[in-house]
C-alpha cells in the first residue's frame, strides 16, 4: 500500500505534536512529510512537498486556513480542518 503524504499546519507546537503522535499510532498508512506554523510557511511546504492530505488549523497568527486555501483555484490536495 502506498503511503498518504501529509502535512500538518498549525501555529501551536503542542497541537502539531499531538496530531503527529496520533497519526503515528493510529494511521500507519499516513506519512507526515512536513509541518508548518502558519499560512506563509504552509504554502511554502505544500509547494515543496506536494502532499496528498493537509491537516489545517483555521486561526493562525499570520492568517487563516481559508486564506491558505484561497491561494489555489482548486487545491491539489485533500484537507481536514483541525481547530
Protein backbone atom coordinates (compact mmCIF):
# COMPACT_ATOMS: atom_id res chain seq x y z
CA UNK A 1 0.00 0.00 0.00
CA UNK A 2 1.28 3.44 -0.93
CA UNK A 3 1.55 5.93 1.91
CA UNK A 4 -0.52 9.11 2.11
CA UNK A 5 1.87 12.09 2.11
CA UNK A 6 0.63 14.50 4.74
CA UNK A 7 1.47 17.94 6.13
CA UNK A 8 0.33 19.41 9.45
CA UNK A 9 -0.21 23.18 9.60
CA UNK A 10 -0.94 24.74 12.99
CA UNK A 11 0.57 27.71 14.81
CA UNK A 12 0.65 25.85 18.14
CA UNK A 13 3.57 23.45 18.68
CA UNK A 14 1.67 21.22 21.09
CA UNK A 15 -1.20 20.77 18.62
CA UNK A 16 1.17 19.73 15.82
CA UNK A 17 2.99 17.36 18.17
CA UNK A 18 -0.21 15.75 19.47
CA UNK A 19 -1.65 15.25 16.00
CA UNK A 20 1.65 13.85 14.75
CA UNK A 21 1.67 11.26 17.57
CA UNK A 22 -1.97 10.29 16.92
CA UNK A 23 -1.24 9.79 13.23
CA UNK A 24 1.84 7.73 14.07
CA UNK A 25 -0.12 5.50 16.49
CA UNK A 26 -3.38 5.04 14.60
CA UNK A 27 -2.69 5.65 10.90
CA UNK A 28 0.38 3.74 9.74
CA UNK A 29 -0.51 4.43 6.09
CA UNK A 30 -0.18 8.20 6.68
CA UNK A 31 3.34 9.65 6.38
CA UNK A 32 3.86 13.14 7.81
CA UNK A 33 6.33 14.73 5.39
CA UNK A 34 6.35 18.18 6.95
CA UNK A 35 4.92 20.70 9.36
CA UNK A 36 4.32 24.43 9.24
CA UNK A 37 3.21 27.07 11.73
CA UNK A 38 1.30 29.49 9.51
CA UNK A 39 -0.10 30.48 6.15
CA UNK A 40 3.17 31.53 4.50
CA UNK A 41 5.23 28.60 5.78
CA UNK A 42 2.30 26.29 4.99
CA UNK A 43 2.15 27.48 1.39
CA UNK A 44 5.91 27.05 1.03
CA UNK A 45 5.98 23.48 2.35
CA UNK A 46 2.90 22.44 0.37
CA UNK A 47 4.54 23.77 -2.79
CA UNK A 48 7.74 21.89 -1.97
CA UNK A 49 6.33 18.55 -0.77
CA UNK A 50 3.15 18.23 -2.90
CA UNK A 51 1.14 16.38 -0.20
CA UNK A 52 -1.96 14.24 -0.70
CA UNK A 53 -3.51 15.50 2.54
CA UNK A 54 -3.15 18.59 4.77
CA UNK A 55 -4.30 18.87 8.38
CA UNK A 56 -5.05 22.58 8.64
CA UNK A 57 -5.77 24.86 11.59
CA UNK A 58 -8.25 27.67 10.93
CA UNK A 59 -6.96 30.56 13.07
CA UNK A 60 -3.19 31.16 12.90
CA UNK A 61 -1.02 34.15 13.72
CA UNK A 62 -0.50 35.20 10.08
CA UNK A 63 -3.97 34.44 8.71
CA UNK A 64 -6.48 31.64 8.43
CA UNK A 65 -6.62 28.21 6.85
CA UNK A 66 -9.12 29.71 4.41
CA UNK A 67 -6.51 32.32 3.39
CA UNK A 68 -4.12 29.49 2.61
CA UNK A 69 -6.67 27.52 0.59
CA UNK A 70 -7.54 30.62 -1.47
CA UNK A 71 -4.04 30.54 -2.97
CA UNK A 72 -5.26 27.77 -5.28
CA UNK A 73 -8.29 27.86 -7.56
CA UNK A 74 -8.76 24.20 -6.65
CA UNK A 75 -6.34 22.87 -4.01
CA UNK A 76 -4.39 19.87 -5.40
CA UNK A 77 -4.74 18.03 -2.07
CA UNK A 78 -7.42 16.95 0.36
CA UNK A 79 -7.63 18.83 3.66
CA UNK A 80 -9.03 18.33 7.14
CA UNK A 81 -9.57 21.30 9.42
CA UNK A 82 -8.14 20.78 12.91
CA UNK A 83 -9.22 23.61 15.15
